[in-house]
Amino acid sequence: MQSIYAMHQNGSDSIEKDEKFLLYSIENIQDLYLTLLAALVEIRKKEVVFLQKSADKHLATKEEKNPNKKFVNNAILELLEENNSLSIALQDRKINTWNLNDDYITILLNAIKGSDLYANYMRNNTNTFEEDKEFIASIYMEVIAPNEKLYEYLEDNKLTWIDDIPLVNTEIIKQLKAIKNGKEDSFRVSRLYKDTEDKEYVSNLFRKTILNEKELAKEFEDKTPNWDMERIAEIDTILLKMAICEFLKFPSIPTKVTINEYLEIAKEYSTPKSSIFINGILDNLVKELEQNKRLLKTGRGLM
């Protein structure tokens, strides 16, 4: 949707160039995902260094010499630091963000140590796997994910990351909660695409929508009697074209899935009334396509 909108705004007619940028921006989601996971590893490392320096001070206190190491001994943080899947992915994609921006790790560590979650967690020095897991998932949700300084850094680093942050945070939290004790492969780096068909869908939807925009627009132009076509939000017309493209040219995608997905996108990116408008158009169009036997879906439960 954003790529098609950008093409309209720029007056671009280079499908290849814009498709290349679309795929590049999607690839960057993986870098964002790895960058945020790497932050958890670096946070633990920084606290290890802090505790060591405190203990080595000339006039170190008793508490500094024998600190509560529950946080640095957290099973989830240790697992992530030692995880081969994560280490290989970070190396392959050359993710060294925090080596160059160590101050943000300090900001996050201080925010964690200043939280009630941390205070409650550190009341004793005994680690249990389930408590460790619950703590890290909660810290990520309530301290790291909403951190404004982190958000500003990510926004400045790559503009395309802004819309991807909620998606990536949701995936990381889901994975953290799913880690099981004693299983070496309980955490694996998520794949960007489920399979080759998943990746091909991106290019196919983009190209088929762009190349058939006029024909797709004709499908709904006469179904907006109370709306001036020129006054309909451009995002709405793009979403309608994409949805209709899925109806007609992607037989394996259920119509209900298509409608639900585009309504959610409209709620996020368009006007307050857009989802109602789009839902009405698509609902009527589906009935017409079914009546004219133009809605050719394959597989069970796809209508």
C-alpha atoms as a PDB file:
ATOM      1  CA  MET A   1       0.000   0.000   0.000  1.00  0.00           C
ATOM      2  CA  GLN A   2       2.717   2.452   0.968  1.00  0.00           C
ATOM      3  CA  SER A   3       4.797   1.599  -2.093  1.00  0.00           C
ATOM      4  CA  ILE A   4       1.875   2.131  -4.453  1.00  0.00           C
ATOM      5  CA  TYR A   5       1.018   5.388  -2.675  1.00  0.00           C
ATOM      6  CA  ALA A   6       4.638   6.532  -3.021  1.00  0.00           C
ATOM      7  CA  MET A   7       4.566   5.751  -6.757  1.00  0.00           C
ATOM      8  CA  HIS A   8       1.456   7.914  -7.144  1.00  0.00           C
ATOM      9  CA  GLN A   9       2.955  10.784  -5.187  1.00  0.00           C
ATOM     10  CA  ASN A  10       6.274  10.677  -7.048  1.00  0.00           C
ATOM     11  CA  GLY A  11       4.722  10.136 -10.449  1.00  0.00           C
ATOM     12  CA  SER A  12       7.007   7.128 -10.826  1.00  0.00           C
ATOM     13  CA  ASP A  13       6.476   4.629 -13.625  1.00  0.00           C
ATOM     14  CA  SER A  14       9.408   2.336 -12.796  1.00  0.00           C
ATOM     15  CA  ILE A  15       7.831  -0.815 -11.382  1.00  0.00           C
ATOM     16  CA  GLU A  16      11.205  -2.537 -11.146  1.00  0.00           C
ATOM     17  CA  LYS A  17      12.770   0.270  -9.122  1.00  0.00           C
ATOM     18  CA  ASP A  18       9.843   0.610  -6.725  1.00  0.00           C
ATOM     19  CA  GLU A  19       9.482  -3.144  -6.342  1.00  0.00           C
ATOM     20  CA  LYS A  20      13.183  -3.364  -5.476  1.00  0.00           C
ATOM     21  CA  PHE A  21      12.731  -0.747  -2.741  1.00  0.00           C
ATOM     22  CA  LEU A  22       9.630  -2.547  -1.466  1.00  0.00           C
ATOM     23  CA  LEU A  23      11.541  -5.813  -1.081  1.00  0.00           C
ATOM     24  CA  TYR A  24      14.491  -3.954   0.444  1.00  0.00           C
ATOM     25  CA  SER A  25      12.262  -2.333   3.064  1.00  0.00           C
ATOM     26  CA  ILE A  26      10.772  -5.728   3.927  1.00  0.00           C
ATOM     27  CA  GLU A  27      14.274  -7.199   4.275  1.00  0.00           C
ATOM     28  CA  ASN A  28      14.997  -4.423   6.755  1.00  0.00           C
ATOM     29  CA  ILE A  29      12.307  -5.844   9.062  1.00  0.00           C
ATOM     30  CA  GLN A  30      14.709  -8.698   9.785  1.00  0.00           C
ATOM     31  CA  ASP A  31      17.433  -6.207  10.701  1.00  0.00           C
ATOM     32  CA  LEU A  32      15.071  -4.419  13.091  1.00  0.00           C
ATOM     33  CA  TYR A  33      14.105  -7.740  14.684  1.00  0.00           C
ATOM     34  CA  LEU A  34      17.750  -8.735  15.158  1.00  0.00           C
ATOM     35  CA  THR A  35      18.705  -5.269  16.399  1.00  0.00           C
ATOM     36  CA  LEU A  36      16.113  -5.415  19.180  1.00  0.00           C
ATOM     37  CA  LEU A  37      17.092  -8.957  20.177  1.00  0.00           C
ATOM     38  CA  ALA A  38      20.730  -7.879  20.225  1.00  0.00           C
ATOM     39  CA  ALA A  39      19.761  -5.085  22.633  1.00  0.00           C
ATOM     40  CA  LEU A  40      18.734  -7.697  25.222  1.00  0.00           C
ATOM     41  CA  VAL A  41      22.120  -9.391  24.894  1.00  0.00           C
ATOM     42  CA  GLU A  42      23.991  -6.095  25.178  1.00  0.00           C
ATOM     43  CA  ILE A  43      21.973  -4.982  28.204  1.00  0.00           C
ATOM     44  CA  ARG A  44      23.110  -8.063  30.113  1.00  0.00           C
ATOM     45  CA  LYS A  45      26.730  -7.571  29.001  1.00  0.00           C
ATOM     46  CA  LYS A  46      26.712  -3.955  30.184  1.00  0.00           C
ATOM     47  CA  GLU A  47      25.416  -4.925  33.613  1.00  0.00           C
ATOM     48  CA  VAL A  48      28.107  -7.628  33.913  1.00  0.00           C
ATOM     49  CA  VAL A  49      30.772  -4.983  33.229  1.00  0.00           C
ATOM     50  CA  PHE A  50      29.136  -2.569  35.686  1.00  0.00           C
ATOM     51  CA  LEU A  51      29.093  -5.134  38.484  1.00  0.00           C
ATOM     52  CA  GLN A  52      32.711  -6.064  37.849  1.00  0.00           C
ATOM     53  CA  LYS A  53      33.885  -2.452  37.866  1.00  0.00           C
ATOM     54  CA  SER A  54      31.948  -1.792  41.067  1.00  0.00           C
ATOM     55  CA  ALA A  55      33.527  -4.792  42.755  1.00  0.00           C
ATOM     56  CA  ASP A  56      37.018  -3.720  41.655  1.00  0.00           C
ATOM     57  CA  LYS A  57      36.736  -0.211  43.102  1.00  0.00           C
ATOM     58  CA  HIS A  58      39.338   0.663  45.723  1.00  0.00           C
ATOM     59  CA  LEU A  59      36.712   1.456  48.335  1.00  0.00           C
ATOM     60  CA  ALA A  60      34.039  -0.960  47.170  1.00  0.00           C
ATOM     61  CA  THR A  61      31.223  -1.548  49.628  1.00  0.00           C
ATOM     62  CA  LYS A  62      30.254  -4.972  50.909  1.00  0.00           C
ATOM     63  CA  GLU A  63      27.237  -4.893  48.610  1.00  0.00           C
ATOM     64  CA  GLU A  64      29.410  -3.984  45.619  1.00  0.00           C
ATOM     65  CA  LYS A  65      31.836  -6.795  46.352  1.00  0.00           C
ATOM     66  CA  ASN A  66      29.026  -9.317  46.691  1.00  0.00           C
ATOM     67  CA  PRO A  67      26.206  -8.015  44.465  1.00  0.00           C
ATOM     68  CA  ASN A  68      22.902  -9.653  43.729  1.00  0.00           C
ATOM     69  CA  LYS A  69      23.571 -11.236  40.325  1.00  0.00           C
ATOM     70  CA  LYS A  70      20.037 -12.398  39.693  1.00  0.00           C
ATOM     71  CA  PHE A  71      19.616 -10.083  36.702  1.00  0.00           C
ATOM     72  CA  VAL A  72      22.842 -11.090  34.921  1.00  0.00           C
ATOM     73  CA  ASN A  73      22.126 -14.743  35.743  1.00  0.00           C
ATOM     74  CA  ASN A  74      18.690 -14.509  34.145  1.00  0.00           C
ATOM     75  CA  ALA A  75      18.209 -17.734  32.185  1.00  0.00           C
ATOM     76  CA  ILE A  76      16.571 -16.054  29.180  1.00  0.00           C
ATOM     77  CA  LEU A  77      19.283 -13.423  28.801  1.00  0.00           C
ATOM     78  CA  GLU A  78      21.964 -16.111  29.070  1.00  0.00           C
ATOM     79  CA  LEU A  79      20.145 -18.273  26.542  1.00  0.00           C
ATOM     80  CA  LEU A  80      19.960 -15.424  24.020  1.00  0.00           C
ATOM     81  CA  GLU A  81      23.636 -14.569  24.462  1.00  0.00           C
ATOM     82  CA  GLU A  82      24.670 -18.184  23.862  1.00  0.00           C
ATOM     83  CA  ASN A  83      22.117 -18.966  21.140  1.00  0.00           C
ATOM     84  CA  ASN A  84      23.769 -20.128  17.899  1.00  0.00           C
ATOM     85  CA  SER A  85      20.791 -19.200  15.732  1.00  0.00           C
ATOM     86  CA  LEU A  86      20.901 -15.595  16.953  1.00  0.00           C
ATOM     87  CA  SER A  87      24.706 -15.310  16.876  1.00  0.00           C
ATOM     88  CA  ILE A  88      24.899 -16.567  13.290  1.00  0.00           C
ATOM     89  CA  ALA A  89      22.072 -14.270  12.146  1.00  0.00           C
ATOM     90  CA  LEU A  90      23.691 -11.221  13.742  1.00  0.00           C
ATOM     91  CA  GLN A  91      26.985 -12.056  12.080  1.00  0.00           C
ATOM     92  CA  ASP A  92      25.476 -12.852   8.677  1.00  0.00           C
ATOM     93  CA  ARG A  93      23.532  -9.596   8.537  1.00  0.00           C
ATOM     94  CA  LYS A  94      26.364  -7.600  10.121  1.00  0.00           C
ATOM     95  CA  ILE A  95      24.237  -6.252  12.968  1.00  0.00           C
ATOM     96  CA  ASN A  96      26.631  -4.221  15.140  1.00  0.00           C
ATOM     97  CA  THR A  97      24.258  -1.369  15.947  1.00  0.00           C
ATOM     98  CA  TRP A  98      24.906  -1.235  19.665  1.00  0.00           C
ATOM     99  CA  ASN A  99      28.702  -1.247  19.364  1.00  0.00           C
ATOM    100  CA  LEU A 100      28.326   2.128  17.694  1.00  0.00           C
ATOM    101  CA  ASN A 101      25.458   3.359  19.882  1.00  0.00           C
ATOM    102  CA  ASP A 102      26.308   2.028  23.320  1.00  0.00           C
ATOM    103  CA  ASP A 103      24.676   4.989  25.063  1.00  0.00           C
ATOM    104  CA  TYR A 104      21.218   3.659  24.152  1.00  0.00           C
ATOM    105  CA  ILE A 105      21.996   0.380  25.929  1.00  0.00           C
ATOM    106  CA  THR A 106      22.852   2.428  29.028  1.00  0.00           C
ATOM    107  CA  ILE A 107      19.542   4.277  28.710  1.00  0.00           C
ATOM    108  CA  LEU A 108      17.611   1.009  28.488  1.00  0.00           C
ATOM    109  CA  LEU A 109      19.545  -0.606  31.358  1.00  0.00           C
ATOM    110  CA  ASN A 110      18.908   2.391  33.601  1.00  0.00           C
ATOM    111  CA  ALA A 111      15.217   2.344  32.693  1.00  0.00           C
ATOM    112  CA  ILE A 112      15.040  -1.350  33.581  1.00  0.00           C
ATOM    113  CA  LYS A 113      16.850  -0.879  36.914  1.00  0.00           C
ATOM    114  CA  GLY A 114      14.587   2.033  37.771  1.00  0.00           C
ATOM    115  CA  SER A 115      11.393   0.055  37.226  1.00  0.00           C
ATOM    116  CA  ASP A 116       9.144  -1.586  39.801  1.00  0.00           C
ATOM    117  CA  LEU A 117       9.423  -4.821  37.816  1.00  0.00           C
ATOM    118  CA  TYR A 118      13.166  -4.870  38.456  1.00  0.00           C
ATOM    119  CA  ALA A 119      12.796  -3.990  42.143  1.00  0.00           C
ATOM    120  CA  ASN A 120      10.323  -6.821  42.696  1.00  0.00           C
ATOM    121  CA  TYR A 121      12.404  -9.275  40.687  1.00  0.00           C
ATOM    122  CA  MET A 122      15.585  -8.481  42.660  1.00  0.00           C
ATOM    123  CA  ARG A 123      14.051  -8.958  46.112  1.00  0.00           C
ATOM    124  CA  ASN A 124      15.956 -12.247  46.297  1.00  0.00           C
ATOM    125  CA  ASN A 125      18.939 -13.721  44.468  1.00  0.00           C
ATOM    126  CA  THR A 126      17.393 -17.023  43.432  1.00  0.00           C
ATOM    127  CA  ASN A 127      16.739 -17.678  39.747  1.00  0.00           C
ATOM    128  CA  THR A 128      13.887 -19.880  38.545  1.00  0.00           C
ATOM    129  CA  PHE A 129      13.289 -20.371  34.843  1.00  0.00           C
ATOM    130  CA  GLU A 130       9.626 -19.388  34.813  1.00  0.00           C
ATOM    131  CA  GLU A 131      10.203 -16.246  36.868  1.00  0.00           C
ATOM    132  CA  ASP A 132      13.166 -15.302  34.651  1.00  0.00           C
ATOM    133  CA  LYS A 133      11.056 -15.743  31.533  1.00  0.00           C
ATOM    134  CA  GLU A 134       8.091 -13.799  32.880  1.00  0.00           C
ATOM    135  CA  PHE A 135      10.393 -10.988  34.001  1.00  0.00           C
ATOM    136  CA  ILE A 136      12.139 -10.569  30.628  1.00  0.00           C
ATOM    137  CA  ALA A 137       8.856 -10.696  28.694  1.00  0.00           C
ATOM    138  CA  SER A 138       7.372  -8.074  31.042  1.00  0.00           C
ATOM    139  CA  ILE A 139      10.466  -5.871  30.910  1.00  0.00           C
ATOM    140  CA  TYR A 140      10.423  -5.993  27.127  1.00  0.00           C
ATOM    141  CA  MET A 141       6.710  -5.112  26.958  1.00  0.00           C
ATOM    142  CA  GLU A 142       6.627  -2.435  29.653  1.00  0.00           C
ATOM    143  CA  VAL A 143      10.096  -0.872  29.601  1.00  0.00           C
ATOM    144  CA  ILE A 144      11.982  -1.554  26.365  1.00  0.00           C
ATOM    145  CA  ALA A 145       9.238  -1.506  23.712  1.00  0.00           C
ATOM    146  CA  PRO A 146       7.671   1.824  24.832  1.00  0.00           C
ATOM    147  CA  ASN A 147      11.004   3.582  25.484  1.00  0.00           C
ATOM    148  CA  GLU A 148      10.868   6.939  23.694  1.00  0.00           C
ATOM    149  CA  LYS A 149      14.637   7.291  23.277  1.00  0.00           C
ATOM    150  CA  LEU A 150      14.833   3.861  21.660  1.00  0.00           C
ATOM    151  CA  TYR A 151      11.918   4.725  19.374  1.00  0.00           C
ATOM    152  CA  GLU A 152      13.587   7.979  18.327  1.00  0.00           C
ATOM    153  CA  TYR A 153      16.821   6.152  17.569  1.00  0.00           C
ATOM    154  CA  LEU A 154      15.067   3.509  15.458  1.00  0.00           C
ATOM    155  CA  GLU A 155      13.116   6.218  13.629  1.00  0.00           C
ATOM    156  CA  ASP A 156      16.327   8.097  12.810  1.00  0.00           C
ATOM    157  CA  ASN A 157      18.179   4.936  11.828  1.00  0.00           C
ATOM    158  CA  LYS A 158      15.764   3.714   9.138  1.00  0.00           C
ATOM    159  CA  LEU A 159      12.557   5.513   8.234  1.00  0.00           C
ATOM    160  CA  THR A 160      10.933   2.293   6.997  1.00  0.00           C
ATOM    161  CA  TRP A 161      11.226   0.784  10.493  1.00  0.00           C
ATOM    162  CA  ILE A 162       8.535   2.991  12.040  1.00  0.00           C
ATOM    163  CA  ASP A 163       5.614   0.928  10.764  1.00  0.00           C
ATOM    164  CA  ASP A 164       7.441  -2.324  11.486  1.00  0.00           C
ATOM    165  CA  ILE A 165       8.202  -1.743  15.177  1.00  0.00           C
ATOM    166  CA  PRO A 166       4.822  -3.028  16.531  1.00  0.00           C
ATOM    167  CA  LEU A 167       5.024  -6.135  14.329  1.00  0.00           C
ATOM    168  CA  VAL A 168       8.575  -6.922  15.455  1.00  0.00           C
ATOM    169  CA  ASN A 169       7.842  -6.248  19.130  1.00  0.00           C
ATOM    170  CA  THR A 170       4.861  -8.593  19.003  1.00  0.00           C
ATOM    171  CA  GLU A 171       6.977 -11.346  17.454  1.00  0.00           C
ATOM    172  CA  ILE A 172       9.767 -10.959  20.018  1.00  0.00           C
ATOM    173  CA  ILE A 173       7.372 -11.012  22.976  1.00  0.00           C
ATOM    174  CA  LYS A 174       5.659 -14.098  21.570  1.00  0.00           C
ATOM    175  CA  GLN A 175       9.008 -15.840  21.196  1.00  0.00           C
ATOM    176  CA  LEU A 176      10.212 -14.880  24.668  1.00  0.00           C
ATOM    177  CA  LYS A 177       7.056 -16.300  26.230  1.00  0.00           C
ATOM    178  CA  ALA A 178       7.403 -19.525  24.222  1.00  0.00           C
ATOM    179  CA  ILE A 179      10.949 -20.397  25.356  1.00  0.00           C
ATOM    180  CA  LYS A 180      11.030 -23.716  27.208  1.00  0.00           C
ATOM    181  CA  ASN A 181      13.463 -24.774  29.890  1.00  0.00           C
ATOM    182  CA  GLY A 182      16.047 -27.405  28.958  1.00  0.00           C
ATOM    183  CA  LYS A 183      15.383 -27.279  25.200  1.00  0.00           C
ATOM    184  CA  GLU A 184      18.392 -26.134  23.184  1.00  0.00           C
ATOM    185  CA  ASP A 185      16.280 -25.243  20.153  1.00  0.00           C
ATOM    186  CA  SER A 186      13.523 -23.501  22.124  1.00  0.00           C
ATOM    187  CA  PHE A 187      14.582 -20.219  20.543  1.00  0.00           C
ATOM    188  CA  ARG A 188      15.313 -19.824  16.851  1.00  0.00           C
ATOM    189  CA  VAL A 189      15.535 -16.655  14.802  1.00  0.00           C
ATOM    190  CA  SER A 190      12.250 -16.113  12.970  1.00  0.00           C
ATOM    191  CA  ARG A 191      12.256 -16.315   9.201  1.00  0.00           C
ATOM    192  CA  LEU A 192      11.194 -13.230   7.296  1.00  0.00           C
ATOM    193  CA  TYR A 193       9.110 -15.285   4.855  1.00  0.00           C
ATOM    194  CA  LYS A 194       7.289 -18.516   5.608  1.00  0.00           C
ATOM    195  CA  ASP A 195       8.291 -19.937   2.215  1.00  0.00           C
ATOM    196  CA  THR A 196       9.031 -18.904  -1.387  1.00  0.00           C
ATOM    197  CA  GLU A 197       5.316 -18.576  -2.110  1.00  0.00           C
ATOM    198  CA  ASP A 198       5.046 -16.085   0.733  1.00  0.00           C
ATOM    199  CA  LYS A 199       7.809 -13.956  -0.794  1.00  0.00           C
ATOM    200  CA  GLU A 200       6.380 -14.225  -4.297  1.00  0.00           C
ATOM    201  CA  TYR A 201       3.035 -12.951  -2.989  1.00  0.00           C
ATOM    202  CA  VAL A 202       4.636  -9.580  -2.194  1.00  0.00           C
ATOM    203  CA  SER A 203       5.833  -8.991  -5.753  1.00  0.00           C
ATOM    204  CA  ASN A 204       2.722 -10.477  -7.334  1.00  0.00           C
ATOM    205  CA  LEU A 205       0.289  -8.286  -5.374  1.00  0.00           C
ATOM    206  CA  PHE A 206       2.381  -5.184  -6.011  1.00  0.00           C
ATOM    207  CA  ARG A 207       2.758  -5.804  -9.747  1.00  0.00           C
ATOM    208  CA  LYS A 208      -0.781  -7.017 -10.407  1.00  0.00           C
ATOM    209  CA  THR A 209      -2.268  -4.032  -8.601  1.00  0.00           C
ATOM    210  CA  ILE A 210      -0.063  -1.498 -10.408  1.00  0.00           C
ATOM    211  CA  LEU A 211      -0.499  -3.044 -13.848  1.00  0.00           C
ATOM    212  CA  ASN A 212      -4.290  -3.342 -13.517  1.00  0.00           C
ATOM    213  CA  GLU A 213      -5.164  -0.145 -11.633  1.00  0.00           C
ATOM    214  CA  LYS A 214      -7.626   1.197 -14.216  1.00  0.00           C
ATOM    215  CA  GLU A 215      -9.487  -2.100 -14.522  1.00  0.00           C
ATOM    216  CA  LEU A 216      -9.575  -2.578 -10.753  1.00  0.00           C
ATOM    217  CA  ALA A 217     -10.902   0.965 -10.233  1.00  0.00           C
ATOM    218  CA  LYS A 218     -13.774   0.285 -12.619  1.00  0.00           C
ATOM    219  CA  GLU A 219     -14.956  -2.491 -10.296  1.00  0.00           C
ATOM    220  CA  PHE A 220     -15.967   0.014  -7.608  1.00  0.00           C
ATOM    221  CA  GLU A 221     -16.428   3.352  -9.404  1.00  0.00           C
ATOM    222  CA  ASP A 222     -20.151   2.814  -9.963  1.00  0.00           C
ATOM    223  CA  LYS A 223     -20.658   1.588  -6.412  1.00  0.00           C
ATOM    224  CA  THR A 224     -19.988   4.937  -4.760  1.00  0.00           C
ATOM    225  CA  PRO A 225     -23.091   6.980  -5.706  1.00  0.00           C
ATOM    226  CA  ASN A 226     -22.859   9.137  -2.603  1.00  0.00           C
ATOM    227  CA  TRP A 227     -19.130   9.709  -2.944  1.00  0.00           C
ATOM    228  CA  ASP A 228     -17.271  11.939  -5.366  1.00  0.00           C
ATOM    229  CA  MET A 229     -14.409   9.757  -6.664  1.00  0.00           C
ATOM    230  CA  GLU A 230     -12.015  12.696  -6.532  1.00  0.00           C
ATOM    231  CA  ARG A 231     -12.824  13.269  -2.858  1.00  0.00           C
ATOM    232  CA  ILE A 232     -12.278   9.678  -1.761  1.00  0.00           C
ATOM    233  CA  ALA A 233      -9.005   9.399   0.170  1.00  0.00           C
ATOM    234  CA  GLU A 234      -6.263   8.115  -2.110  1.00  0.00           C
ATOM    235  CA  ILE A 235      -5.260   5.519   0.481  1.00  0.00           C
ATOM    236  CA  ASP A 236      -8.827   4.178   0.335  1.00  0.00           C
ATOM    237  CA  THR A 237      -8.777   3.795  -3.441  1.00  0.00           C
ATOM    238  CA  ILE A 238      -5.426   1.996  -3.244  1.00  0.00           C
ATOM    239  CA  LEU A 239      -6.729  -0.369  -0.566  1.00  0.00           C
ATOM    240  CA  LEU A 240      -9.832  -1.077  -2.616  1.00  0.00           C
ATOM    241  CA  LYS A 241      -7.734  -1.870  -5.690  1.00  0.00           C
ATOM    242  CA  MET A 242      -5.476  -4.170  -3.718  1.00  0.00           C
ATOM    243  CA  ALA A 243      -8.403  -5.976  -2.104  1.00  0.00           C
ATOM    244  CA  ILE A 244     -10.184  -6.421  -5.439  1.00  0.00           C
ATOM    245  CA  CYS A 245      -6.912  -7.637  -6.938  1.00  0.00           C
ATOM    246  CA  GLU A 246      -6.816 -10.344  -4.254  1.00  0.00           C
ATOM    247  CA  PHE A 247     -10.452 -11.222  -4.949  1.00  0.00           C
ATOM    248  CA  LEU A 248      -9.868 -11.722  -8.664  1.00  0.00           C
ATOM    249  CA  LYS A 249      -6.235 -12.761  -9.049  1.00  0.00           C
ATOM    250  CA  PHE A 250      -5.356 -14.667  -5.874  1.00  0.00           C
ATOM    251  CA  PRO A 251      -7.682 -17.705  -5.765  1.00  0.00           C
ATOM    252  CA  SER A 252      -6.067 -19.211  -2.658  1.00  0.00           C
ATOM    253  CA  ILE A 253      -6.790 -16.219  -0.399  1.00  0.00           C
ATOM    254  CA  PRO A 254     -10.207 -16.366   1.340  1.00  0.00           C
ATOM    255  CA  THR A 255     -12.425 -13.343   0.698  1.00  0.00           C
ATOM    256  CA  LYS A 256     -13.070 -12.917   4.430  1.00  0.00           C
ATOM    257  CA  VAL A 257      -9.339 -12.788   5.090  1.00  0.00           C
ATOM    258  CA  THR A 258      -8.873 -10.161   2.393  1.00  0.00           C
ATOM    259  CA  ILE A 259     -11.695  -7.969   3.720  1.00  0.00           C
ATOM    260  CA  ASN A 260     -10.539  -8.223   7.346  1.00  0.00           C
ATOM    261  CA  GLU A 261      -6.925  -7.419   6.473  1.00  0.00           C
ATOM    262  CA  TYR A 262      -7.760  -4.309   4.459  1.00  0.00           C
ATOM    263  CA  LEU A 263     -10.201  -3.036   7.051  1.00  0.00           C
ATOM    264  CA  GLU A 264      -7.430  -3.243   9.656  1.00  0.00           C
ATOM    265  CA  ILE A 265      -5.022  -1.380   7.380  1.00  0.00           C
ATOM    266  CA  ALA A 266      -7.658   1.303   6.735  1.00  0.00           C
ATOM    267  CA  LYS A 267      -8.184   1.788  10.483  1.00  0.00           C
ATOM    268  CA  GLU A 268      -4.445   2.242  10.935  1.00  0.00           C
ATOM    269  CA  TYR A 269      -3.571   4.438   7.970  1.00  0.00           C
ATOM    270  CA  SER A 270      -6.641   6.187   6.598  1.00  0.00           C
ATOM    271  CA  THR A 271      -9.542   8.340   7.816  1.00  0.00           C
ATOM    272  CA  PRO A 272     -11.836   7.451  10.755  1.00  0.00           C
ATOM    273  CA  LYS A 273     -14.707   6.500   8.396  1.00  0.00           C
ATOM    274  CA  SER A 274     -12.567   4.693   5.824  1.00  0.00           C
ATOM    275  CA  SER A 275     -13.042   1.187   7.208  1.00  0.00           C
ATOM    276  CA  ILE A 276     -16.848   1.589   7.115  1.00  0.00           C
ATOM    277  CA  PHE A 277     -16.691   2.893   3.546  1.00  0.00           C
ATOM    278  CA  ILE A 278     -14.333   0.151   2.358  1.00  0.00           C
ATOM    279  CA  ASN A 279     -16.294  -2.582   4.121  1.00  0.00           C
ATOM    280  CA  GLY A 280     -19.514  -1.492   2.396  1.00  0.00           C
ATOM    281  CA  ILE A 281     -17.907  -1.419  -1.050  1.00  0.00           C
ATOM    282  CA  LEU A 282     -16.140  -4.777  -0.684  1.00  0.00           C
ATOM    283  CA  ASP A 283     -19.157  -6.515   0.838  1.00  0.00           C
ATOM    284  CA  ASN A 284     -21.410  -5.468  -2.052  1.00  0.00           C
ATOM    285  CA  LEU A 285     -18.724  -6.285  -4.603  1.00  0.00           C
ATOM    286  CA  VAL A 286     -18.245  -9.816  -3.251  1.00  0.00           C
ATOM    287  CA  LYS A 287     -21.991 -10.478  -3.618  1.00  0.00           C
ATOM    288  CA  GLU A 288     -21.894  -9.218  -7.205  1.00  0.00           C
ATOM    289  CA  LEU A 289     -18.795 -11.237  -8.099  1.00  0.00           C
ATOM    290  CA  GLU A 290     -20.353 -14.374  -6.615  1.00  0.00           C
ATOM    291  CA  GLN A 291     -23.587 -13.777  -8.496  1.00  0.00           C
ATOM    292  CA  ASN A 292     -21.689 -13.350 -11.764  1.00  0.00           C
ATOM    293  CA  LYS A 293     -19.464 -16.341 -10.954  1.00  0.00           C
ATOM    294  CA  ARG A 294     -16.328 -14.228 -11.181  1.00  0.00           C
ATOM    295  CA  LEU A 295     -15.117 -15.042  -7.688  1.00  0.00           C
ATOM    296  CA  LEU A 296     -13.171 -18.231  -8.316  1.00  0.00           C
ATOM    297  CA  LYS A 297     -11.638 -19.324  -5.048  1.00  0.00           C
ATOM    298  CA  THR A 298      -9.951 -22.704  -4.595  1.00  0.00           C
ATOM    299  CA  GLY A 299      -9.674 -24.914  -1.520  1.00  0.00           C
ATOM    300  CA  ARG A 300     -11.909 -25.436   1.501  1.00  0.00           C
ATOM    301  CA  GLY A 301     -13.396 -22.560   3.433  1.00  0.00           C
ATOM    302  CA  LEU A 302     -12.158 -19.922   1.011  1.00  0.00           C
ATOM    303  CA  MET A 303     -15.391 -18.100   0.395  1.00  0.00           C
END
